[in-house]
N, C-alpha and C. Protein backbone atom coordinates (compact mmCIF):
# COMPACT_ATOMS: atom_id res chain seq x y z
N MET A 1 84.53 -14.76 60.32
CA MET A 1 84.22 -15.24 61.63
C MET A 1 85.10 -16.46 61.92
N THR A 2 85.59 -16.57 63.12
CA THR A 2 86.45 -17.70 63.49
C THR A 2 85.75 -18.57 64.53
N SER A 3 86.13 -19.82 64.53
CA SER A 3 85.57 -20.77 65.48
C SER A 3 86.10 -20.46 66.88
N PRO A 4 85.22 -20.42 67.89
CA PRO A 4 85.68 -20.16 69.25
C PRO A 4 86.49 -21.34 69.81
N ILE A 5 86.31 -22.52 69.22
CA ILE A 5 87.01 -23.71 69.72
C ILE A 5 88.39 -23.84 69.09
N THR A 6 88.46 -23.77 67.74
CA THR A 6 89.73 -24.01 67.05
C THR A 6 90.45 -22.73 66.66
N GLY A 7 89.75 -21.64 66.58
CA GLY A 7 90.35 -20.39 66.14
C GLY A 7 90.48 -20.30 64.62
N ALA A 8 90.06 -21.36 63.91
CA ALA A 8 90.13 -21.39 62.45
C ALA A 8 88.90 -20.70 61.87
N PRO A 9 89.03 -20.18 60.62
CA PRO A 9 87.87 -19.53 60.00
C PRO A 9 86.74 -20.54 59.80
N GLU A 10 85.52 -20.11 60.12
CA GLU A 10 84.35 -20.96 59.93
C GLU A 10 83.72 -20.66 58.57
N SER A 11 83.21 -21.69 57.95
CA SER A 11 82.49 -21.51 56.70
C SER A 11 81.01 -21.38 57.02
N LYS A 12 80.34 -20.50 56.32
CA LYS A 12 78.90 -20.35 56.54
C LYS A 12 78.11 -21.39 55.74
N TYR A 13 78.82 -22.23 54.98
CA TYR A 13 78.18 -23.24 54.15
C TYR A 13 78.44 -24.63 54.72
N THR A 14 77.46 -25.49 54.58
CA THR A 14 77.59 -26.87 55.00
C THR A 14 78.07 -27.71 53.83
N ARG A 15 79.08 -28.52 54.06
CA ARG A 15 79.60 -29.40 53.02
C ARG A 15 78.57 -30.50 52.76
N LEU A 16 78.27 -30.77 51.48
CA LEU A 16 77.30 -31.80 51.13
C LEU A 16 77.93 -33.18 51.18
N ASP A 17 77.15 -34.15 51.66
CA ASP A 17 77.66 -35.51 51.62
C ASP A 17 77.38 -36.11 50.23
N ARG A 18 77.83 -37.32 50.00
CA ARG A 18 77.75 -37.94 48.68
C ARG A 18 76.31 -38.06 48.18
N THR A 19 75.40 -38.44 49.05
CA THR A 19 73.98 -38.57 48.67
C THR A 19 73.41 -37.22 48.26
N GLU A 20 73.75 -36.19 49.00
CA GLU A 20 73.27 -34.85 48.67
C GLU A 20 73.87 -34.36 47.36
N LEU A 21 75.13 -34.71 47.09
CA LEU A 21 75.74 -34.35 45.81
C LEU A 21 75.02 -35.04 44.65
N TRP A 22 74.67 -36.30 44.83
CA TRP A 22 73.93 -37.01 43.79
C TRP A 22 72.56 -36.36 43.56
N THR A 23 71.91 -35.97 44.64
CA THR A 23 70.61 -35.29 44.52
C THR A 23 70.77 -33.97 43.78
N GLN A 24 71.81 -33.22 44.11
CA GLN A 24 72.06 -31.96 43.42
C GLN A 24 72.35 -32.19 41.94
N LEU A 25 73.09 -33.25 41.62
CA LEU A 25 73.37 -33.56 40.22
C LEU A 25 72.08 -33.88 39.48
N ALA A 26 71.22 -34.68 40.10
CA ALA A 26 69.92 -34.99 39.48
C ALA A 26 69.10 -33.72 39.29
N ASN A 27 69.12 -32.83 40.28
CA ASN A 27 68.40 -31.55 40.16
C ASN A 27 68.96 -30.70 39.02
N ALA A 28 70.28 -30.65 38.91
CA ALA A 28 70.91 -29.85 37.85
C ALA A 28 70.56 -30.40 36.48
N ILE A 29 70.56 -31.72 36.34
CA ILE A 29 70.20 -32.34 35.05
C ILE A 29 68.75 -32.04 34.72
N GLN A 30 67.86 -32.12 35.72
CA GLN A 30 66.44 -31.83 35.50
C GLN A 30 66.24 -30.35 35.14
N LEU A 31 66.92 -29.47 35.84
CA LEU A 31 66.82 -28.04 35.52
C LEU A 31 67.29 -27.76 34.10
N HIS A 32 68.37 -28.40 33.70
CA HIS A 32 68.91 -28.23 32.34
C HIS A 32 67.90 -28.68 31.31
N ALA A 33 67.31 -29.86 31.52
CA ALA A 33 66.32 -30.38 30.57
C ALA A 33 65.09 -29.46 30.49
N SER A 34 64.65 -28.98 31.64
CA SER A 34 63.49 -28.08 31.68
C SER A 34 63.78 -26.76 30.96
N GLN A 35 64.97 -26.22 31.19
CA GLN A 35 65.35 -24.95 30.55
C GLN A 35 65.48 -25.13 29.04
N ALA A 36 66.06 -26.25 28.61
CA ALA A 36 66.20 -26.51 27.18
C ALA A 36 64.83 -26.65 26.53
N HIS A 37 63.91 -27.32 27.21
CA HIS A 37 62.54 -27.45 26.68
C HIS A 37 61.87 -26.09 26.55
N SER A 38 62.02 -25.27 27.58
CA SER A 38 61.43 -23.93 27.54
C SER A 38 62.03 -23.10 26.41
N LEU A 39 63.34 -23.21 26.22
CA LEU A 39 64.01 -22.46 25.16
C LEU A 39 63.46 -22.86 23.79
N TRP A 40 63.33 -24.15 23.55
CA TRP A 40 62.83 -24.60 22.24
C TRP A 40 61.35 -24.30 22.05
N SER A 41 60.58 -24.32 23.13
CA SER A 41 59.18 -23.92 23.02
C SER A 41 59.07 -22.45 22.63
N GLY A 42 59.91 -21.62 23.25
CA GLY A 42 59.94 -20.20 22.91
C GLY A 42 60.39 -19.97 21.48
N PHE A 43 61.36 -20.75 21.03
CA PHE A 43 61.85 -20.65 19.65
C PHE A 43 60.71 -20.96 18.67
N GLY A 44 59.95 -22.01 18.95
CA GLY A 44 58.82 -22.36 18.09
C GLY A 44 57.76 -21.27 18.07
N ALA A 45 57.45 -20.73 19.24
CA ALA A 45 56.45 -19.66 19.32
C ALA A 45 56.93 -18.42 18.57
N PHE A 46 58.22 -18.09 18.70
CA PHE A 46 58.79 -16.94 17.99
C PHE A 46 58.58 -17.08 16.49
N TRP A 47 58.84 -18.25 15.93
CA TRP A 47 58.71 -18.44 14.49
C TRP A 47 57.25 -18.52 14.04
N VAL A 48 56.37 -18.99 14.89
CA VAL A 48 54.94 -18.98 14.55
C VAL A 48 54.46 -17.53 14.43
N VAL A 49 54.84 -16.70 15.40
CA VAL A 49 54.44 -15.28 15.36
C VAL A 49 55.09 -14.59 14.16
N ASN A 50 56.35 -14.90 13.87
CA ASN A 50 57.01 -14.33 12.70
C ASN A 50 56.28 -14.71 11.41
N ALA A 51 55.84 -15.96 11.32
CA ALA A 51 55.11 -16.40 10.13
C ALA A 51 53.79 -15.64 10.00
N LEU A 52 53.10 -15.44 11.11
CA LEU A 52 51.85 -14.67 11.07
C LEU A 52 52.10 -13.22 10.65
N LEU A 53 53.18 -12.64 11.15
CA LEU A 53 53.52 -11.27 10.75
C LEU A 53 53.86 -11.19 9.26
N LEU A 54 54.55 -12.20 8.76
CA LEU A 54 54.86 -12.22 7.32
C LEU A 54 53.59 -12.32 6.48
N VAL A 55 52.64 -13.13 6.92
CA VAL A 55 51.36 -13.22 6.22
C VAL A 55 50.64 -11.88 6.26
N ALA A 56 50.69 -11.20 7.40
CA ALA A 56 50.07 -9.88 7.52
C ALA A 56 50.80 -8.84 6.67
N LEU A 57 52.10 -9.04 6.46
CA LEU A 57 52.89 -8.08 5.69
C LEU A 57 52.61 -8.18 4.19
N PHE A 58 52.19 -9.34 3.74
CA PHE A 58 51.91 -9.55 2.31
C PHE A 58 50.48 -10.04 2.11
N PRO A 59 49.49 -9.25 2.50
CA PRO A 59 48.10 -9.71 2.32
C PRO A 59 47.76 -9.77 0.84
N GLY A 60 47.30 -10.90 0.39
CA GLY A 60 46.93 -11.04 -1.02
C GLY A 60 48.13 -10.97 -1.95
N GLY A 61 49.32 -11.17 -1.45
CA GLY A 61 50.52 -11.18 -2.28
C GLY A 61 51.10 -9.80 -2.57
N ALA A 62 50.53 -8.76 -2.01
CA ALA A 62 51.03 -7.40 -2.23
C ALA A 62 51.38 -6.77 -0.88
N LEU A 63 52.20 -5.74 -0.94
CA LEU A 63 52.56 -5.05 0.29
C LEU A 63 51.38 -4.22 0.79
N PRO A 64 51.24 -4.09 2.10
CA PRO A 64 50.16 -3.26 2.65
C PRO A 64 50.52 -1.78 2.51
N SER A 65 49.65 -0.95 3.01
CA SER A 65 49.94 0.49 3.01
C SER A 65 51.21 0.73 3.83
N ASP A 66 51.83 1.88 3.59
CA ASP A 66 53.09 2.19 4.28
C ASP A 66 52.92 2.21 5.79
N SER A 67 51.85 2.81 6.28
CA SER A 67 51.67 2.91 7.74
C SER A 67 51.44 1.52 8.36
N VAL A 68 50.66 0.67 7.70
CA VAL A 68 50.44 -0.69 8.21
C VAL A 68 51.74 -1.48 8.13
N GLY A 69 52.48 -1.36 7.04
CA GLY A 69 53.76 -2.05 6.89
C GLY A 69 54.77 -1.61 7.93
N MET A 70 54.79 -0.29 8.23
CA MET A 70 55.70 0.21 9.26
C MET A 70 55.33 -0.37 10.62
N LEU A 71 54.05 -0.42 10.93
CA LEU A 71 53.59 -0.94 12.21
C LEU A 71 53.94 -2.42 12.35
N ILE A 72 53.66 -3.21 11.31
CA ILE A 72 53.98 -4.64 11.35
C ILE A 72 55.49 -4.84 11.47
N SER A 73 56.25 -4.09 10.71
CA SER A 73 57.72 -4.22 10.75
C SER A 73 58.28 -3.82 12.10
N LEU A 74 57.76 -2.76 12.67
CA LEU A 74 58.21 -2.32 13.99
C LEU A 74 57.89 -3.38 15.04
N PHE A 75 56.69 -3.93 14.98
CA PHE A 75 56.31 -4.98 15.91
C PHE A 75 57.21 -6.21 15.74
N GLY A 76 57.48 -6.58 14.49
CA GLY A 76 58.36 -7.72 14.23
C GLY A 76 59.76 -7.50 14.76
N ALA A 77 60.30 -6.29 14.56
CA ALA A 77 61.65 -5.98 15.06
C ALA A 77 61.68 -6.01 16.59
N LEU A 78 60.66 -5.44 17.23
CA LEU A 78 60.61 -5.47 18.69
C LEU A 78 60.47 -6.90 19.21
N LEU A 79 59.63 -7.68 18.56
CA LEU A 79 59.47 -9.08 18.94
C LEU A 79 60.80 -9.83 18.83
N ALA A 80 61.52 -9.65 17.74
CA ALA A 80 62.80 -10.32 17.53
C ALA A 80 63.82 -9.86 18.56
N LEU A 81 63.81 -8.59 18.90
CA LEU A 81 64.73 -8.07 19.90
C LEU A 81 64.43 -8.65 21.29
N ILE A 82 63.16 -8.72 21.62
CA ILE A 82 62.75 -9.30 22.91
C ILE A 82 63.12 -10.78 22.95
N TRP A 83 62.86 -11.50 21.84
CA TRP A 83 63.20 -12.91 21.79
C TRP A 83 64.72 -13.10 21.95
N TYR A 84 65.50 -12.24 21.33
CA TYR A 84 66.96 -12.33 21.46
C TYR A 84 67.36 -12.19 22.92
N SER A 85 66.78 -11.24 23.62
CA SER A 85 67.11 -11.02 25.04
C SER A 85 66.70 -12.21 25.90
N ILE A 86 65.50 -12.72 25.67
CA ILE A 86 65.02 -13.88 26.43
C ILE A 86 65.91 -15.09 26.16
N GLN A 87 66.24 -15.27 24.90
CA GLN A 87 67.06 -16.42 24.50
C GLN A 87 68.46 -16.34 25.11
N GLU A 88 69.05 -15.16 25.14
CA GLU A 88 70.38 -15.01 25.74
C GLU A 88 70.35 -15.40 27.21
N ARG A 89 69.31 -15.00 27.90
CA ARG A 89 69.19 -15.35 29.32
C ARG A 89 68.98 -16.85 29.50
N ALA A 90 68.13 -17.44 28.67
CA ALA A 90 67.87 -18.88 28.76
C ALA A 90 69.14 -19.68 28.47
N VAL A 91 69.88 -19.28 27.46
CA VAL A 91 71.14 -19.97 27.13
C VAL A 91 72.14 -19.79 28.28
N GLY A 92 72.14 -18.63 28.91
CA GLY A 92 73.00 -18.42 30.07
C GLY A 92 72.68 -19.40 31.20
N HIS A 93 71.38 -19.64 31.43
CA HIS A 93 70.99 -20.62 32.44
C HIS A 93 71.46 -22.02 32.04
N LEU A 94 71.35 -22.37 30.76
CA LEU A 94 71.82 -23.68 30.30
C LEU A 94 73.32 -23.83 30.55
N LEU A 95 74.08 -22.80 30.25
CA LEU A 95 75.52 -22.85 30.49
C LEU A 95 75.83 -22.98 31.98
N ARG A 96 75.06 -22.29 32.79
CA ARG A 96 75.24 -22.36 34.24
C ARG A 96 74.95 -23.77 34.75
N HIS A 97 73.86 -24.37 34.25
CA HIS A 97 73.52 -25.74 34.66
C HIS A 97 74.59 -26.72 34.22
N GLU A 98 75.13 -26.54 33.01
CA GLU A 98 76.18 -27.43 32.52
C GLU A 98 77.44 -27.31 33.39
N ALA A 99 77.78 -26.09 33.77
CA ALA A 99 78.95 -25.90 34.64
C ALA A 99 78.72 -26.55 36.00
N LEU A 100 77.51 -26.41 36.53
CA LEU A 100 77.19 -27.03 37.82
C LEU A 100 77.26 -28.55 37.72
N MET A 101 76.72 -29.12 36.64
CA MET A 101 76.80 -30.57 36.46
C MET A 101 78.26 -31.03 36.44
N SER A 102 79.08 -30.30 35.72
CA SER A 102 80.49 -30.66 35.62
C SER A 102 81.17 -30.61 36.98
N LYS A 103 80.90 -29.56 37.77
CA LYS A 103 81.50 -29.44 39.10
C LYS A 103 81.02 -30.56 40.02
N LEU A 104 79.73 -30.86 39.96
CA LEU A 104 79.20 -31.93 40.80
C LEU A 104 79.79 -33.28 40.42
N GLU A 105 79.89 -33.55 39.13
CA GLU A 105 80.46 -34.82 38.69
C GLU A 105 81.93 -34.94 39.09
N ALA A 106 82.66 -33.85 39.00
CA ALA A 106 84.06 -33.87 39.41
C ALA A 106 84.18 -34.08 40.92
N THR A 107 83.31 -33.43 41.69
CA THR A 107 83.34 -33.57 43.15
C THR A 107 82.97 -34.99 43.57
N ILE A 108 81.97 -35.57 42.89
CA ILE A 108 81.57 -36.94 43.20
C ILE A 108 82.69 -37.92 42.82
N GLY A 109 83.47 -37.56 41.81
CA GLY A 109 84.58 -38.41 41.39
C GLY A 109 84.23 -39.30 40.22
N PHE A 110 83.40 -38.79 39.31
CA PHE A 110 83.00 -39.57 38.14
C PHE A 110 84.19 -39.92 37.27
N ASP A 111 84.15 -41.11 36.71
CA ASP A 111 85.06 -41.46 35.62
C ASP A 111 84.57 -40.63 34.43
N PRO A 112 85.43 -39.82 33.81
CA PRO A 112 84.98 -38.96 32.71
C PRO A 112 84.24 -39.70 31.58
N THR A 113 84.51 -40.98 31.41
CA THR A 113 83.84 -41.76 30.37
C THR A 113 82.34 -41.80 30.59
N TYR A 114 81.89 -41.73 31.82
CA TYR A 114 80.47 -41.85 32.14
C TYR A 114 79.82 -40.53 32.53
N ALA A 115 80.53 -39.46 32.44
CA ALA A 115 80.00 -38.15 32.85
C ALA A 115 78.99 -37.62 31.84
N VAL A 116 77.99 -36.95 32.33
CA VAL A 116 76.98 -36.30 31.49
C VAL A 116 77.55 -35.02 30.88
N SER A 117 78.31 -34.29 31.65
CA SER A 117 78.81 -33.00 31.19
C SER A 117 79.85 -33.15 30.10
N GLY A 118 79.72 -32.32 29.09
CA GLY A 118 80.67 -32.33 27.98
C GLY A 118 82.05 -31.87 28.40
N GLU A 119 82.10 -31.04 29.43
CA GLU A 119 83.39 -30.54 29.92
C GLU A 119 84.22 -31.69 30.50
N LEU A 120 83.57 -32.59 31.20
CA LEU A 120 84.27 -33.72 31.80
C LEU A 120 84.45 -34.86 30.78
N ASN A 121 83.42 -35.12 29.99
CA ASN A 121 83.46 -36.22 29.03
C ASN A 121 83.88 -35.69 27.66
N GLN A 122 85.13 -35.31 27.55
CA GLN A 122 85.65 -34.73 26.30
C GLN A 122 85.64 -35.73 25.14
N GLU A 123 85.81 -37.01 25.44
CA GLU A 123 85.87 -38.02 24.38
C GLU A 123 84.57 -38.04 23.57
N LEU A 124 83.44 -38.14 24.25
CA LEU A 124 82.16 -38.16 23.54
C LEU A 124 81.84 -36.81 22.91
N TYR A 125 82.23 -35.74 23.58
CA TYR A 125 82.02 -34.40 23.01
C TYR A 125 82.77 -34.28 21.68
N GLU A 126 84.03 -34.68 21.68
CA GLU A 126 84.85 -34.60 20.46
C GLU A 126 84.26 -35.47 19.35
N THR A 127 83.77 -36.63 19.71
CA THR A 127 83.24 -37.57 18.71
C THR A 127 81.95 -37.08 18.08
N TYR A 128 81.03 -36.56 18.90
CA TYR A 128 79.68 -36.28 18.41
C TYR A 128 79.33 -34.81 18.23
N LEU A 129 79.98 -33.92 18.93
CA LEU A 129 79.50 -32.53 18.96
C LEU A 129 80.46 -31.47 18.48
N LYS A 130 81.72 -31.77 18.38
CA LYS A 130 82.71 -30.73 18.09
C LYS A 130 82.53 -30.12 16.69
N LYS A 131 82.23 -30.95 15.72
CA LYS A 131 82.16 -30.49 14.33
C LYS A 131 80.78 -29.90 14.02
N GLY A 132 80.76 -28.99 13.09
CA GLY A 132 79.49 -28.47 12.59
C GLY A 132 78.97 -27.26 13.35
N LEU A 133 77.82 -26.83 12.90
CA LEU A 133 77.15 -25.67 13.46
C LEU A 133 76.50 -26.03 14.79
N LYS A 134 76.69 -25.22 15.78
CA LYS A 134 76.12 -25.47 17.09
C LYS A 134 74.71 -24.89 17.16
N VAL A 135 73.85 -25.58 17.90
CA VAL A 135 72.45 -25.18 18.01
C VAL A 135 72.33 -23.77 18.57
N ARG A 136 73.16 -23.43 19.53
CA ARG A 136 73.09 -22.09 20.12
C ARG A 136 73.43 -21.01 19.10
N GLU A 137 74.31 -21.35 18.15
CA GLU A 137 74.63 -20.40 17.08
C GLU A 137 73.41 -20.23 16.15
N VAL A 138 72.71 -21.32 15.88
CA VAL A 138 71.51 -21.25 15.04
C VAL A 138 70.47 -20.36 15.71
N LEU A 139 70.28 -20.53 17.01
CA LEU A 139 69.33 -19.69 17.75
C LEU A 139 69.70 -18.21 17.62
N LYS A 140 70.97 -17.92 17.84
CA LYS A 140 71.42 -16.52 17.78
C LYS A 140 71.26 -15.96 16.36
N ILE A 141 71.67 -16.74 15.36
CA ILE A 141 71.57 -16.29 13.97
C ILE A 141 70.10 -16.04 13.60
N SER A 142 69.21 -16.91 14.04
CA SER A 142 67.80 -16.74 13.69
C SER A 142 67.21 -15.48 14.30
N SER A 143 67.55 -15.19 15.55
CA SER A 143 66.98 -13.99 16.16
C SER A 143 67.61 -12.72 15.60
N VAL A 144 68.93 -12.73 15.38
CA VAL A 144 69.58 -11.56 14.78
C VAL A 144 69.08 -11.37 13.34
N GLY A 145 68.90 -12.49 12.63
CA GLY A 145 68.35 -12.41 11.27
C GLY A 145 66.95 -11.83 11.27
N GLY A 146 66.15 -12.23 12.27
CA GLY A 146 64.79 -11.68 12.39
C GLY A 146 64.82 -10.18 12.65
N ILE A 147 65.71 -9.75 13.54
CA ILE A 147 65.84 -8.31 13.82
C ILE A 147 66.22 -7.57 12.54
N ALA A 148 67.22 -8.10 11.82
CA ALA A 148 67.69 -7.45 10.59
C ALA A 148 66.58 -7.40 9.54
N PHE A 149 65.87 -8.50 9.34
CA PHE A 149 64.80 -8.53 8.34
C PHE A 149 63.74 -7.48 8.64
N TRP A 150 63.26 -7.46 9.90
CA TRP A 150 62.18 -6.53 10.23
C TRP A 150 62.65 -5.08 10.18
N LEU A 151 63.89 -4.82 10.53
CA LEU A 151 64.40 -3.44 10.42
C LEU A 151 64.54 -3.02 8.96
N VAL A 152 64.98 -3.93 8.10
CA VAL A 152 65.06 -3.62 6.66
C VAL A 152 63.66 -3.32 6.12
N MET A 153 62.69 -4.12 6.51
CA MET A 153 61.31 -3.87 6.06
C MET A 153 60.81 -2.52 6.58
N LEU A 154 61.15 -2.19 7.82
CA LEU A 154 60.75 -0.90 8.37
C LEU A 154 61.35 0.24 7.57
N VAL A 155 62.63 0.13 7.22
CA VAL A 155 63.30 1.16 6.42
C VAL A 155 62.64 1.25 5.03
N ILE A 156 62.28 0.14 4.45
CA ILE A 156 61.62 0.15 3.14
C ILE A 156 60.30 0.91 3.22
N PHE A 157 59.51 0.61 4.24
CA PHE A 157 58.21 1.29 4.36
C PHE A 157 58.37 2.78 4.69
N ILE A 158 59.34 3.11 5.51
CA ILE A 158 59.59 4.53 5.80
C ILE A 158 60.05 5.23 4.52
N GLY A 159 60.94 4.59 3.76
CA GLY A 159 61.40 5.16 2.49
C GLY A 159 60.26 5.36 1.52
N ARG A 160 59.38 4.36 1.41
CA ARG A 160 58.22 4.50 0.51
C ARG A 160 57.32 5.65 0.94
N LEU A 161 57.15 5.81 2.26
CA LEU A 161 56.31 6.89 2.78
C LEU A 161 56.91 8.25 2.42
N PHE A 162 58.22 8.42 2.62
CA PHE A 162 58.87 9.68 2.30
C PHE A 162 58.86 9.95 0.80
N ILE A 163 59.11 8.93 0.00
CA ILE A 163 59.07 9.12 -1.47
C ILE A 163 57.67 9.53 -1.90
N GLY A 164 56.65 8.92 -1.28
CA GLY A 164 55.27 9.32 -1.59
C GLY A 164 54.98 10.75 -1.18
N MET A 165 55.49 11.15 -0.03
CA MET A 165 55.28 12.52 0.44
C MET A 165 55.99 13.52 -0.46
N ILE A 166 57.21 13.19 -0.88
CA ILE A 166 57.97 14.08 -1.77
C ILE A 166 57.25 14.18 -3.12
N GLY A 167 56.75 13.04 -3.61
CA GLY A 167 56.01 13.06 -4.88
C GLY A 167 54.75 13.93 -4.78
N ALA A 168 54.07 13.85 -3.64
CA ALA A 168 52.88 14.66 -3.45
C ALA A 168 53.24 16.14 -3.38
N LEU A 169 54.35 16.48 -2.74
CA LEU A 169 54.78 17.87 -2.67
C LEU A 169 55.16 18.41 -4.05
N VAL A 170 55.84 17.59 -4.84
CA VAL A 170 56.22 18.01 -6.19
C VAL A 170 54.98 18.27 -7.04
N LYS A 171 53.99 17.41 -6.93
CA LYS A 171 52.75 17.59 -7.70
C LYS A 171 52.01 18.84 -7.26
N ALA A 172 52.09 19.18 -5.96
CA ALA A 172 51.38 20.32 -5.44
C ALA A 172 51.97 21.63 -5.95
N PHE A 173 53.27 21.62 -6.30
CA PHE A 173 53.88 22.86 -6.77
C PHE A 173 53.98 22.78 -8.23
């Protein structure tokens, strides 16, 4: 659409003034903090449920029956898969908020030394965060590890069930 007065293309968006940019930056920082809190709360809940499933998997220090073990393992694998999906989405929102913070800080004209975003404030990022294992990697490893553990347990219980069935068939003949 073009302006009837100037003939130039019109934008359907209103440019934000400096105060509105600051408000948006504060909103983005708050959204990021809220999303990070939700992610870690979910992580804690995931491991509490995993611990309960492990206790159910080894009642009295021994393995349960094959059918109960298969059910617990299947539930654990599904739970870990669901948590992985939720976590990927939550981390995506965190990345989106970080990118928005960086764009807002750049638009406002922040001195990179004082910027919140790691993209803009490379000096502090390099000093404190570049080295070592990243938290997001730990989250991913824990959920993938949970999926792998529960699937291995499921295969063990299915294998035990089939071995028991084959043993029963051999005895019958």
